[in-house]
Structures are given as structure tokens and as C-alpha cells.
C-alpha atoms as a PDB file:
ATOM      1  CA  MET A   1      27.979  63.521  13.148  1.00  0.00           C
ATOM      2  CA  SER A   2      25.531  61.963  15.541  1.00  0.00           C
ATOM      3  CA  GLU A   3      25.846  58.373  16.683  1.00  0.00           C
ATOM      4  CA  PRO A   4      23.657  55.794  14.911  1.00  0.00           C
ATOM      5  CA  GLU A   5      20.565  54.712  16.806  1.00  0.00           C
ATOM      6  CA  LYS A   6      20.557  51.300  18.415  1.00  0.00           C
ATOM      7  CA  PRO A   7      17.826  48.844  17.420  1.00  0.00           C
ATOM      8  CA  VAL A   8      14.799  48.890  19.670  1.00  0.00           C
ATOM      9  CA  TYR A   9      14.257  45.141  19.330  1.00  0.00           C
ATOM     10  CA  VAL A  10      16.189  42.162  18.005  1.00  0.00           C
ATOM     11  CA  SER A  11      14.044  39.098  17.335  1.00  0.00           C
ATOM     12  CA  ARG A  12      15.652  35.893  18.536  1.00  0.00           C
ATOM     13  CA  VAL A  13      14.142  33.124  16.416  1.00  0.00           C
ATOM     14  CA  ARG A  14      15.605  29.693  15.769  1.00  0.00           C
ATOM     15  CA  ILE A  15      14.469  27.466  12.909  1.00  0.00           C
ATOM     16  CA  GLU A  16      15.014  23.697  13.031  1.00  0.00           C
ATOM     17  CA  ARG A  17      14.536  21.733   9.830  1.00  0.00           C
ATOM     18  CA  GLN A  18      12.830  18.414  10.530  1.00  0.00           C
ATOM     19  CA  ARG A  19      12.412  16.632   7.208  1.00  0.00           C
ATOM     20  CA  GLY A  20      11.146  17.682   3.830  1.00  0.00           C
ATOM     21  CA  PRO A  21       9.237  20.950   4.102  1.00  0.00           C
ATOM     22  CA  VAL A  22       8.567  20.620   7.855  1.00  0.00           C
ATOM     23  CA  ARG A  23      10.354  23.112  10.111  1.00  0.00           C
ATOM     24  CA  LEU A  24      10.017  24.068  13.763  1.00  0.00           C
ATOM     25  CA  ALA A  25      10.304  27.729  14.700  1.00  0.00           C
ATOM     26  CA  ARG A  26      11.298  28.611  18.238  1.00  0.00           C
ATOM     27  CA  LEU A  27       9.758  32.031  18.819  1.00  0.00           C
ATOM     28  CA  PRO A  28      10.067  34.453  21.729  1.00  0.00           C
ATOM     29  CA  ALA A  29       7.226  34.279  24.260  1.00  0.00           C
ATOM     30  CA  GLU A  30       6.021  30.906  22.922  1.00  0.00           C
ATOM     31  CA  GLU A  31       6.586  27.849  25.071  1.00  0.00           C
ATOM     32  CA  GLU A  32       6.047  25.375  22.238  1.00  0.00           C
ATOM     33  CA  PRO A  33       7.627  25.550  18.790  1.00  0.00           C
ATOM     34  CA  VAL A  34       5.508  26.640  15.845  1.00  0.00           C
ATOM     35  CA  VAL A  35       5.322  24.054  13.051  1.00  0.00           C
ATOM     36  CA  PHE A  36       5.693  25.261   9.467  1.00  0.00           C
ATOM     37  CA  GLY A  37       5.102  23.105   6.431  1.00  0.00           C
ATOM     38  CA  VAL A  38       3.091  23.110   3.227  1.00  0.00           C
ATOM     39  CA  HIS A  39      -0.517  22.470   2.270  1.00  0.00           C
ATOM     40  CA  GLY A  40      -2.830  22.647  -0.721  1.00  0.00           C
ATOM     41  CA  GLU A  41      -1.606  24.689  -3.668  1.00  0.00           C
ATOM     42  CA  VAL A  42       1.775  25.359  -2.039  1.00  0.00           C
ATOM     43  CA  ALA A  43       2.445  21.630  -1.644  1.00  0.00           C
ATOM     44  CA  GLU A  44       1.356  21.106  -5.228  1.00  0.00           C
ATOM     45  CA  HIS A  45       3.654  23.902  -6.444  1.00  0.00           C
ATOM     46  CA  TYR A  46       6.651  22.296  -4.704  1.00  0.00           C
ATOM     47  CA  ARG A  47       5.538  18.845  -5.904  1.00  0.00           C
ATOM     48  CA  VAL A  48       5.067  17.492  -2.393  1.00  0.00           C
ATOM     49  CA  PRO A  49       2.646  14.546  -2.558  1.00  0.00           C
ATOM     50  CA  PRO A  50      -0.500  15.201  -0.480  1.00  0.00           C
ATOM     51  CA  ASP A  51       0.113  12.204   1.790  1.00  0.00           C
ATOM     52  CA  ALA A  52       3.878  12.722   2.265  1.00  0.00           C
ATOM     53  CA  PHE A  53       3.604  15.101   5.248  1.00  0.00           C
ATOM     54  CA  PRO A  54       0.787  16.352   7.457  1.00  0.00           C
ATOM     55  CA  PRO A  55      -0.436  19.748   6.208  1.00  0.00           C
ATOM     56  CA  HIS A  56       0.780  22.778   8.164  1.00  0.00           C
ATOM     57  CA  ALA A  57       0.632  26.516   7.617  1.00  0.00           C
ATOM     58  CA  THR A  58       3.446  27.888   5.496  1.00  0.00           C
ATOM     59  CA  THR A  59       5.794  30.700   6.432  1.00  0.00           C
ATOM     60  CA  LEU A  60       3.939  32.729   3.795  1.00  0.00           C
ATOM     61  CA  ASP A  61       0.681  32.166   5.714  1.00  0.00           C
ATOM     62  CA  TYR A  62       2.317  33.644   8.821  1.00  0.00           C
ATOM     63  CA  VAL A  63       3.703  36.653   6.919  1.00  0.00           C
ATOM     64  CA  VAL A  64       0.265  37.391   5.457  1.00  0.00           C
ATOM     65  CA  ALA A  65      -1.379  37.026   8.874  1.00  0.00           C
ATOM     66  CA  ALA A  66       1.220  39.342  10.443  1.00  0.00           C
ATOM     67  CA  ALA A  67       0.804  41.966   7.728  1.00  0.00           C
ATOM     68  CA  ALA A  68      -2.995  41.824   7.991  1.00  0.00           C
ATOM     69  CA  GLY A  69      -2.928  42.205  11.771  1.00  0.00           C
END
């Protein structure tokens, strides 16, 4: 039996929940945290009032952008 391969890369990401749907993501190679939240139809789906939090891109927005890139 051969030895299992070691991972080439391990992503070191830290998520900090602020309040409500707002989270800060500490990502490698980024000096400032990335802000995640909700907006538009996503906020409506989760029943977050439009004026409760400033709109921010969702984690889903980032996944779609990453997959499209």
C-alpha cells in the first residue's frame, strides 16, 4: 500500500459573527476582513427587514463568483 498524499493547500479562514446576519471573514492574503451579510431577495427570504442591517454580499454571492472565475 502506498502512503496517502498530503494536501497541497489548507485554507486558514476565520469567521467572526458580528450581529444578525453580518459576519467578518479573515481570509489569507487579505489585510482587511471581508464583510458578509444579506441583501435583496436573500434578506427577504430570511425575513431580515431592509433597514435592519446595511446590505452586504452573501456567502452565496462569493461562491458563485468563485465558481464563475
